[in-house]
Amino acid sequence: MNQPPLSVISHFRHIRRTNAKHRTRMIAVLSTCLLAGVLLTLMLGQSFTPLTTVLHVLGGAEVPGAGFTVRELRLPRAVISVLVGACFGLGGIAFQTLLRNPLASPDIIGISTGASTGAVFAIVVLSLSGPAVSMVAIAAGLGVALLIYTLSWRQGVTGGRLILIGIGLAAMLQSITAYLLMRAPSWTLQEALRWLTGSVNGAQLDQALPLLVALLLFGGLLLSRRRDLETLHMGDDLAAGLGVRLAITRVVVVITAVALVAFATAVSGPVAFVAFLSGPIAARLMGRNGSLLVPAALVGALLVLFGDYVGQFLLPARYPVGIVTGVLGAPYLVYLIIRDNKTRGTL
């Protein structure tokens, strides 16, 4: 059996080392940007708080004037923004990689819409509030995902069929949501509308713990399948030939991705296009250098964190983060649809 020349082996080893260095460098840059963004949002708002004062407050010191602003107002928004963005980013890239289509995002195929409809039903019809609304939203998101997957099954699930069924179901759920809002009494209408726009206004630190647990649990499970997920991206036949258990991998990825999106939606509402944008942005930054799960989570966190800051302080009026990310994501969605008409779109 002929062996490849040593020069070819050395060339491929050099490419792998170069790709690994680039990947490590980009993850470090994204992590540094995220840390800098968190510190920026803690320091800057309607007033400026020096970095030393912020660090003292975070260390537990009581600083008159700054303690309440940093600990009670800015810190919860920053923490929730990072966790929500990471969950959306992980869930979005998992679906896009599994179905090999950048349009296969939870906020496009109806999963976020299902959670939203469940939350509006809980607020308007059941008169629930707080954690109860979150639980209904999570259950609704999981139920809609199961329904989409079941309706898409025809001796297997294809990306195109699942996307079309998801879009159709999302349109139906949006009609139900509109009907519920039309029938809503005035005292619940404002709360439902605030929740639907996607916002971290009124974020509390006690909301961070269940979100962090969900991120560590489901995100960790997703990361444990990253090699199988990347292999699936190259096609089912090749993945099966390489020993990937297709059915189990699909079920695990779908359940974990849906759970991440549902938990994030339950806390902040459906922040538009974060799950949709995080994967493609990460792919442009990283190239095809390994799994995009961690980079997409970092990009998602950055999108929500800076989107919220821009909406609060850099525009003529205050807007929820979902408005800002929606303005960013809508043109990209149009671009992808146009590109998909010419070529089979991939990340």
Protein backbone atom coordinates (compact mmCIF):
# COMPACT_ATOMS: atom_id res chain seq x y z
CA MET A 1 0.00 0.00 0.00
CA ASN A 2 1.41 3.35 -1.06
CA GLN A 3 2.08 5.84 1.72
CA PRO A 4 1.58 9.59 1.11
CA PRO A 5 4.83 11.55 0.82
CA LEU A 6 6.18 13.07 4.03
CA SER A 7 5.89 16.54 2.49
CA VAL A 8 2.13 16.09 2.09
CA ILE A 9 1.76 14.90 5.69
CA SER A 10 3.82 17.85 6.94
CA HIS A 11 1.70 20.22 4.86
CA PHE A 12 -1.54 18.95 6.38
CA ARG A 13 -0.07 19.08 9.89
CA HIS A 14 0.95 22.68 9.27
CA ILE A 15 -2.59 23.52 8.10
CA ARG A 16 -4.08 21.89 11.22
CA ARG A 17 -1.73 23.82 13.51
CA THR A 18 -2.51 27.07 11.70
CA ASN A 19 -6.27 26.46 11.93
CA ALA A 20 -5.99 25.58 15.63
CA LYS A 21 -4.04 28.77 16.33
CA HIS A 22 -6.58 30.85 14.41
CA ARG A 23 -9.45 29.24 16.30
CA THR A 24 -7.81 29.80 19.68
CA ARG A 25 -7.01 33.40 18.76
CA MET A 26 -10.58 34.19 17.65
CA ILE A 27 -12.14 32.60 20.74
CA ALA A 28 -9.76 34.64 22.90
CA VAL A 29 -10.71 37.83 21.01
CA LEU A 30 -14.44 37.13 21.38
CA SER A 31 -14.03 36.34 25.10
CA THR A 32 -12.03 39.54 25.63
CA CYS A 33 -14.67 41.58 23.79
CA LEU A 34 -17.38 40.03 25.94
CA LEU A 35 -15.53 40.78 29.17
CA ALA A 36 -14.84 44.33 28.00
CA GLY A 37 -18.50 44.73 27.03
CA VAL A 38 -19.69 43.62 30.47
CA LEU A 39 -17.34 46.09 32.18
CA LEU A 40 -18.44 48.84 29.77
CA THR A 41 -22.12 48.30 30.56
CA LEU A 42 -21.33 48.33 34.29
CA MET A 43 -19.40 51.60 33.99
CA LEU A 44 -21.44 53.58 31.46
CA GLY A 45 -25.11 54.45 31.54
CA GLN A 46 -26.91 57.64 32.36
CA SER A 47 -23.91 58.32 34.62
CA PHE A 48 -20.27 57.22 34.60
CA THR A 49 -18.92 54.91 37.31
CA PRO A 50 -15.12 54.48 37.46
CA LEU A 51 -13.76 50.97 36.98
CA THR A 52 -12.22 50.90 40.46
CA THR A 53 -15.59 51.73 41.99
CA VAL A 54 -17.27 49.00 39.93
CA LEU A 55 -14.72 46.45 41.12
CA HIS A 56 -15.22 47.53 44.74
CA VAL A 57 -18.99 47.13 44.39
CA LEU A 58 -18.60 43.70 42.79
CA GLY A 59 -16.32 42.77 45.66
CA GLY A 60 -19.11 43.47 48.13
CA ALA A 61 -18.14 46.96 49.28
CA GLU A 62 -20.89 49.45 50.03
CA VAL A 63 -20.26 52.54 47.91
CA PRO A 64 -22.87 55.30 48.41
CA GLY A 65 -24.63 56.16 45.16
CA ALA A 66 -22.78 53.61 43.01
CA GLY A 67 -23.75 50.45 44.89
CA PHE A 68 -27.41 50.48 43.92
CA THR A 69 -26.73 51.57 40.33
CA VAL A 70 -24.14 48.88 39.63
CA ARG A 71 -25.42 45.98 41.74
CA GLU A 72 -29.18 46.36 41.31
CA LEU A 73 -29.58 48.03 37.89
CA ARG A 74 -26.61 47.35 35.62
CA LEU A 75 -25.27 43.98 36.82
CA PRO A 76 -28.54 42.00 36.41
CA ARG A 77 -29.01 43.35 32.86
CA ALA A 78 -25.44 42.44 31.91
CA VAL A 79 -25.57 38.94 33.40
CA ILE A 80 -28.98 38.10 31.93
CA SER A 81 -27.95 39.51 28.53
CA VAL A 82 -24.84 37.31 28.42
CA LEU A 83 -26.67 34.14 29.50
CA VAL A 84 -29.66 34.72 27.21
CA GLY A 85 -27.42 35.48 24.23
CA ALA A 86 -25.26 32.40 24.84
CA CYS A 87 -28.35 30.17 25.01
CA PHE A 88 -29.80 31.62 21.81
CA GLY A 89 -26.45 31.36 20.04
CA LEU A 90 -25.94 27.70 21.02
CA GLY A 91 -29.49 26.71 20.13
CA GLY A 92 -29.37 28.50 16.79
CA ILE A 93 -26.06 27.07 15.57
CA ALA A 94 -27.09 23.57 16.68
CA PHE A 95 -30.17 23.66 14.44
CA GLN A 96 -28.32 25.30 11.54
CA THR A 97 -25.54 22.71 11.65
CA LEU A 98 -27.86 19.73 12.13
CA LEU A 99 -30.11 20.71 9.19
CA ARG A 100 -27.27 22.18 7.10
CA ASN A 101 -29.21 25.36 6.41
CA PRO A 102 -28.70 28.86 7.87
CA LEU A 103 -32.47 29.44 7.70
CA ALA A 104 -33.06 26.60 10.17
CA SER A 105 -33.00 28.89 13.19
CA PRO A 106 -35.39 28.51 16.15
CA ASP A 107 -36.80 32.00 15.63
CA ILE A 108 -37.48 31.25 11.95
CA ILE A 109 -39.00 27.76 12.25
CA GLY A 110 -41.44 28.57 15.02
CA ILE A 111 -39.89 27.34 18.28
CA SER A 112 -39.46 30.83 19.75
CA THR A 113 -42.92 31.69 18.44
CA GLY A 114 -44.37 28.70 20.28
CA ALA A 115 -42.78 29.81 23.54
CA SER A 116 -44.10 33.33 22.94
CA THR A 117 -47.65 32.14 22.31
CA GLY A 118 -47.51 30.03 25.46
CA ALA A 119 -46.33 33.01 27.50
CA VAL A 120 -49.02 35.32 26.11
CA PHE A 121 -51.66 32.68 26.86
CA ALA A 122 -50.35 32.42 30.42
CA ILE A 123 -50.37 36.20 30.91
CA VAL A 124 -53.68 37.02 29.20
CA VAL A 125 -55.88 33.97 29.77
CA LEU A 126 -54.45 32.38 32.92
CA SER A 127 -53.41 35.70 34.55
CA LEU A 128 -50.06 34.24 35.58
CA SER A 129 -46.88 36.17 36.23
CA GLY A 130 -43.24 35.63 37.11
CA PRO A 131 -41.82 32.08 37.11
CA ALA A 132 -45.20 30.55 36.19
CA VAL A 133 -45.12 32.37 32.83
CA SER A 134 -41.58 31.09 32.25
CA MET A 135 -42.63 27.50 32.92
CA VAL A 136 -45.54 27.74 30.48
CA ALA A 137 -43.25 29.29 27.85
CA ILE A 138 -40.68 26.49 28.25
CA ALA A 139 -43.38 23.80 27.99
CA ALA A 140 -44.90 25.48 24.93
CA GLY A 141 -41.54 25.77 23.19
CA LEU A 142 -40.75 22.09 23.78
CA GLY A 143 -44.24 21.04 22.67
CA VAL A 144 -44.06 23.05 19.43
CA ALA A 145 -40.62 21.63 18.66
CA LEU A 146 -41.96 18.09 19.13
CA LEU A 147 -44.92 18.86 16.88
CA ILE A 148 -42.69 20.30 14.14
CA TYR A 149 -40.35 17.30 14.31
CA THR A 150 -43.29 14.86 14.21
CA LEU A 151 -44.95 16.56 11.23
CA SER A 152 -41.60 16.65 9.40
CA TRP A 153 -40.95 12.93 9.79
CA ARG A 154 -41.21 10.99 6.53
CA GLN A 155 -38.77 8.09 6.94
CA GLY A 156 -36.42 10.70 8.35
CA VAL A 157 -36.30 14.47 8.66
CA THR A 158 -34.98 16.75 5.93
CA GLY A 159 -33.99 20.35 6.53
CA GLY A 160 -36.21 21.83 3.83
CA ARG A 161 -39.34 20.01 5.01
CA LEU A 162 -38.75 20.93 8.65
CA ILE A 163 -38.15 24.60 7.79
CA LEU A 164 -41.32 24.87 5.69
CA ILE A 165 -43.47 23.16 8.32
CA GLY A 166 -41.91 25.32 11.02
CA ILE A 167 -42.58 28.54 9.08
CA GLY A 168 -46.20 27.50 8.49
CA LEU A 169 -46.73 26.60 12.12
CA ALA A 170 -45.08 29.86 13.20
CA ALA A 171 -47.57 31.82 11.06
CA MET A 172 -50.46 29.98 12.70
CA LEU A 173 -49.07 30.63 16.18
CA GLN A 174 -48.59 34.32 15.38
CA SER A 175 -52.26 34.50 14.43
CA ILE A 176 -53.21 32.93 17.77
CA THR A 177 -50.98 35.40 19.58
CA ALA A 178 -52.57 38.33 17.74
CA TYR A 179 -56.04 37.07 18.68
CA LEU A 180 -55.05 36.75 22.35
CA LEU A 181 -53.63 40.28 22.34
CA MET A 182 -56.81 41.61 20.74
CA ARG A 183 -58.88 40.06 23.54
CA ALA A 184 -56.45 41.02 26.32
CA PRO A 185 -57.61 43.45 29.03
CA SER A 186 -55.60 46.66 29.25
CA TRP A 187 -53.84 45.69 32.50
CA THR A 188 -52.26 42.58 30.93
CA LEU A 189 -51.81 43.88 27.37
CA GLN A 190 -48.79 46.03 28.20
CA GLU A 191 -47.02 43.19 30.01
CA ALA A 192 -47.66 40.79 27.14
CA LEU A 193 -46.42 43.29 24.55
CA ARG A 194 -43.29 44.04 26.59
CA TRP A 195 -42.56 40.34 26.81
CA LEU A 196 -43.12 39.78 23.07
CA THR A 197 -40.61 42.42 21.97
CA GLY A 198 -37.72 40.63 23.68
CA SER A 199 -36.32 42.67 26.53
CA VAL A 200 -34.09 42.43 29.58
CA ASN A 201 -35.80 45.37 31.26
CA GLY A 202 -36.50 44.54 34.88
CA ALA A 203 -33.95 41.71 34.89
CA GLN A 204 -33.20 40.27 38.32
CA LEU A 205 -30.17 38.27 39.42
CA ASP A 206 -32.37 35.48 40.77
CA GLN A 207 -33.38 34.77 37.15
CA ALA A 208 -29.75 34.03 36.31
CA LEU A 209 -29.44 30.80 38.32
CA PRO A 210 -31.96 28.64 36.38
CA LEU A 211 -30.65 30.11 33.13
CA LEU A 212 -27.06 29.31 34.11
CA VAL A 213 -28.03 25.76 35.12
CA ALA A 214 -29.80 25.27 31.77
CA LEU A 215 -26.78 26.64 29.90
CA LEU A 216 -24.33 24.39 31.73
CA LEU A 217 -26.53 21.29 31.55
CA PHE A 218 -27.89 21.47 28.00
CA GLY A 219 -24.91 23.38 26.62
CA GLY A 220 -22.55 20.81 28.08
CA LEU A 221 -24.61 17.97 26.60
CA LEU A 222 -24.54 19.73 23.23
CA LEU A 223 -20.78 20.21 23.42
CA SER A 224 -20.36 16.51 24.18
CA ARG A 225 -21.93 15.82 20.75
CA ARG A 226 -19.95 18.45 18.87
CA ARG A 227 -17.89 15.94 16.85
CA ASP A 228 -20.97 13.99 15.76
CA LEU A 229 -22.72 17.28 14.93
CA GLU A 230 -19.82 18.44 12.78
CA THR A 231 -19.75 15.08 11.00
CA LEU A 232 -23.51 15.35 10.30
CA HIS A 233 -22.82 18.68 8.64
CA MET A 234 -20.98 16.78 5.89
CA GLY A 235 -24.01 14.60 5.09
CA ASP A 236 -25.94 11.69 6.57
CA ASP A 237 -24.32 8.98 4.46
CA LEU A 238 -20.78 10.04 5.31
CA ALA A 239 -21.68 10.46 8.99
CA ALA A 240 -23.23 6.99 9.14
CA GLY A 241 -20.17 5.55 7.42
CA LEU A 242 -17.96 7.15 10.07
CA GLY A 243 -19.97 5.52 12.84
CA VAL A 244 -22.25 8.38 13.94
CA ARG A 245 -25.55 7.13 15.38
CA LEU A 246 -27.79 9.43 13.39
CA ALA A 247 -31.11 9.00 15.21
CA ILE A 248 -29.69 9.37 18.72
CA THR A 249 -27.54 12.35 17.74
CA ARG A 250 -30.48 14.15 16.12
CA VAL A 251 -32.75 13.59 19.12
CA VAL A 252 -30.11 14.78 21.61
CA VAL A 253 -29.24 17.86 19.56
CA VAL A 254 -32.88 18.83 18.99
CA ILE A 255 -33.85 18.39 22.66
CA THR A 256 -30.87 20.31 24.00
CA ALA A 257 -31.14 23.13 21.44
CA VAL A 258 -34.89 23.53 22.02
CA ALA A 259 -34.39 23.55 25.80
CA LEU A 260 -31.73 26.27 25.55
CA VAL A 261 -33.93 28.46 23.35
CA ALA A 262 -37.02 27.84 25.51
CA PHE A 263 -35.23 28.76 28.76
CA ALA A 264 -33.79 31.93 27.20
CA THR A 265 -37.16 32.91 25.74
CA ALA A 266 -38.83 32.31 29.11
CA VAL A 267 -36.54 34.92 30.73
CA SER A 268 -36.22 37.62 28.08
CA GLY A 269 -38.92 36.91 25.55
CA PRO A 270 -38.08 36.17 21.89
CA VAL A 271 -35.07 38.41 21.23
CA ALA A 272 -35.32 38.62 17.46
CA PHE A 273 -32.70 37.05 15.20
CA VAL A 274 -30.00 36.38 17.83
CA ALA A 275 -30.19 32.61 17.28
CA PHE A 276 -30.37 33.28 13.54
CA LEU A 277 -27.35 35.62 13.32
CA SER A 278 -24.92 34.08 15.81
CA GLY A 279 -23.99 31.02 13.75
CA PRO A 280 -23.29 32.77 10.41
CA ILE A 281 -21.28 35.51 12.13
CA ALA A 282 -19.25 32.89 14.01
CA ALA A 283 -18.70 30.96 10.78
CA ARG A 284 -17.35 34.07 9.04
CA LEU A 285 -14.97 34.74 11.92
CA MET A 286 -13.77 31.18 12.43
CA GLY A 287 -13.89 29.71 8.94
CA ARG A 288 -14.45 25.95 9.01
CA ASN A 289 -12.02 25.43 11.88
CA GLY A 290 -13.81 22.92 14.05
CA SER A 291 -17.06 23.26 15.96
CA LEU A 292 -18.89 26.59 15.93
CA LEU A 293 -20.77 25.97 19.19
CA VAL A 294 -18.56 27.99 21.54
CA PRO A 295 -17.94 30.87 19.06
CA ALA A 296 -21.68 31.12 18.33
CA ALA A 297 -22.45 31.27 22.06
CA LEU A 298 -19.95 34.11 22.49
CA VAL A 299 -21.32 35.97 19.46
CA GLY A 300 -24.88 35.57 20.76
CA ALA A 301 -23.87 36.98 24.15
CA LEU A 302 -22.19 39.95 22.46
CA LEU A 303 -25.24 40.63 20.27
CA VAL A 304 -27.65 40.76 23.21
CA LEU A 305 -25.27 42.66 25.49
CA PHE A 306 -24.41 45.41 23.00
CA GLY A 307 -27.90 45.40 21.47
CA ASP A 308 -29.37 46.18 24.87
CA TYR A 309 -26.80 48.92 25.51
CA VAL A 310 -27.44 50.52 22.12
CA GLY A 311 -31.20 50.38 22.62
CA GLN A 312 -30.95 51.98 26.06
CA PHE A 313 -28.35 54.71 25.62
CA LEU A 314 -27.24 55.29 22.01
CA LEU A 315 -30.57 55.93 20.26
CA PRO A 316 -32.90 58.94 20.47
CA ALA A 317 -35.42 56.93 22.51
CA ARG A 318 -35.14 53.77 24.60
CA TYR A 319 -35.87 50.53 22.75
CA PRO A 320 -35.87 46.90 23.92
CA VAL A 321 -32.99 44.77 22.74
CA GLY A 322 -35.33 42.77 20.48
CA ILE A 323 -35.98 45.88 18.37
CA VAL A 324 -32.26 46.49 17.84
CA THR A 325 -31.44 42.88 16.94
CA GLY A 326 -34.51 42.74 14.69
CA VAL A 327 -33.24 45.72 12.71
CA LEU A 328 -29.89 43.95 12.31
CA GLY A 329 -31.32 40.54 11.44
CA ALA A 330 -34.09 41.38 8.97
CA PRO A 331 -31.79 42.54 6.12
CA TYR A 332 -29.61 39.46 6.57
CA LEU A 333 -32.68 37.22 6.36
CA VAL A 334 -33.64 38.84 3.04
CA TYR A 335 -30.07 38.35 1.80
CA LEU A 336 -30.12 34.65 2.73
CA ILE A 337 -33.44 34.07 0.98
CA ILE A 338 -32.10 35.71 -2.19
CA ARG A 339 -28.87 33.70 -1.99
CA ASP A 340 -30.78 30.45 -1.39
CA ASN A 341 -32.62 30.97 -4.67
CA LYS A 342 -29.27 30.82 -6.46
CA THR A 343 -27.36 28.24 -4.46
CA ARG A 344 -28.08 25.74 -1.75
CA GLY A 345 -27.31 27.86 1.30
CA THR A 346 -24.92 26.67 3.98
CA LEU A 347 -23.09 28.33 6.79
